[in-house]
């Protein structure tokens, strides 16, 4: 999972032999997937500079401070489409509520209730939505690299709401804002040393987690140390290659003892075909229990991107306890995604 290989994974998942796109059936130039997209798109964390991140969080705060009435006029008359090929609760709902709170018109298109179910390609779906007046598309797709293709073929700003095992950039931004609010009491000021001295431990199914990858690629650029923790089956050693500021630690107790933030990930059973994983052993070694948290990280902030599997990666008493910032993450998702929509459509606010 070296940084260069992450990019290659994104492209190879969408591009077949001879440069034919598996999502559209048409020939594409793979190198163009990283350059041909509209300003305001958010396709991957590495496309954001530290200044971009600072600007997004500052815009988030400005929108948050607006009156409800003024905020509801920011995107009046604009049309935003949510194109979701995978199920989602938090991401889809927060993007939709964010758009509506800004006055935009939204339409949800899912693979269960559209021509997608009949075999329509991503390209043709995107072109159809553009012809119908979409000005921005929020895409969740099971294939890594799909947002790059959609941005290329439509020319519209595209916001990546999760693509395969690649990335989930808006989640990393809302996680950052949650961490800043809990540990720094300042959600606006962001620079290359903002998180100096902060250790974020991410525990669980790192291999399949676009959330883990996005956070591991963003947080060290702001000074944080990211410690990835999990069994070898779910955390290959080459995860170290995602960038500087990343460590791998197999022992959860040792990792937690260093944690300012403990970010738990669910076991993605839908992606574990062919894996020999003993869940009882996993729970014993990697579950965040009341006892383990109290003994090893009594002051750490507990986070989870959801959905939570209570009793597997985390117990309910910890998820609902005083150290938990899980509900705050959800609230930050609404706030940050407002800013991403305003940025995507190039509106001053």
Foldseek 3Di string as FASTA:
>chain_A
DAQVVLLVQLLPLQADPPQQGPQARHHDDSVCLVPQFAFLADQALVVDDLVNLLVLLQLLVVLVPDDLVQQLQQQAPAEEEEEEADDDDLQVVLLVVLCNSNNYHYYYHYCVPDCVVVPHGPLVVLCVVVVVHHQEYEYAEQTRNSQSVSRNNNNHHYYDCYYRQRAHQLLLSLVVQLCCCVPVVDRNDADQQSQALAEEEEEDQNQGHNHNLRNVLPVVSRHYAYEYEYDCLRDPPCVPNHDPRYHYDHQVLVSLLSHQAYEYEDDPVVPQVPPDDDQVVRCVRAAAEPVSCVVRPVNHAYEYQDDDDDPGNYHPCVCPDPSYCHVVSSVSSSSSSSSSVSSSNVTDD
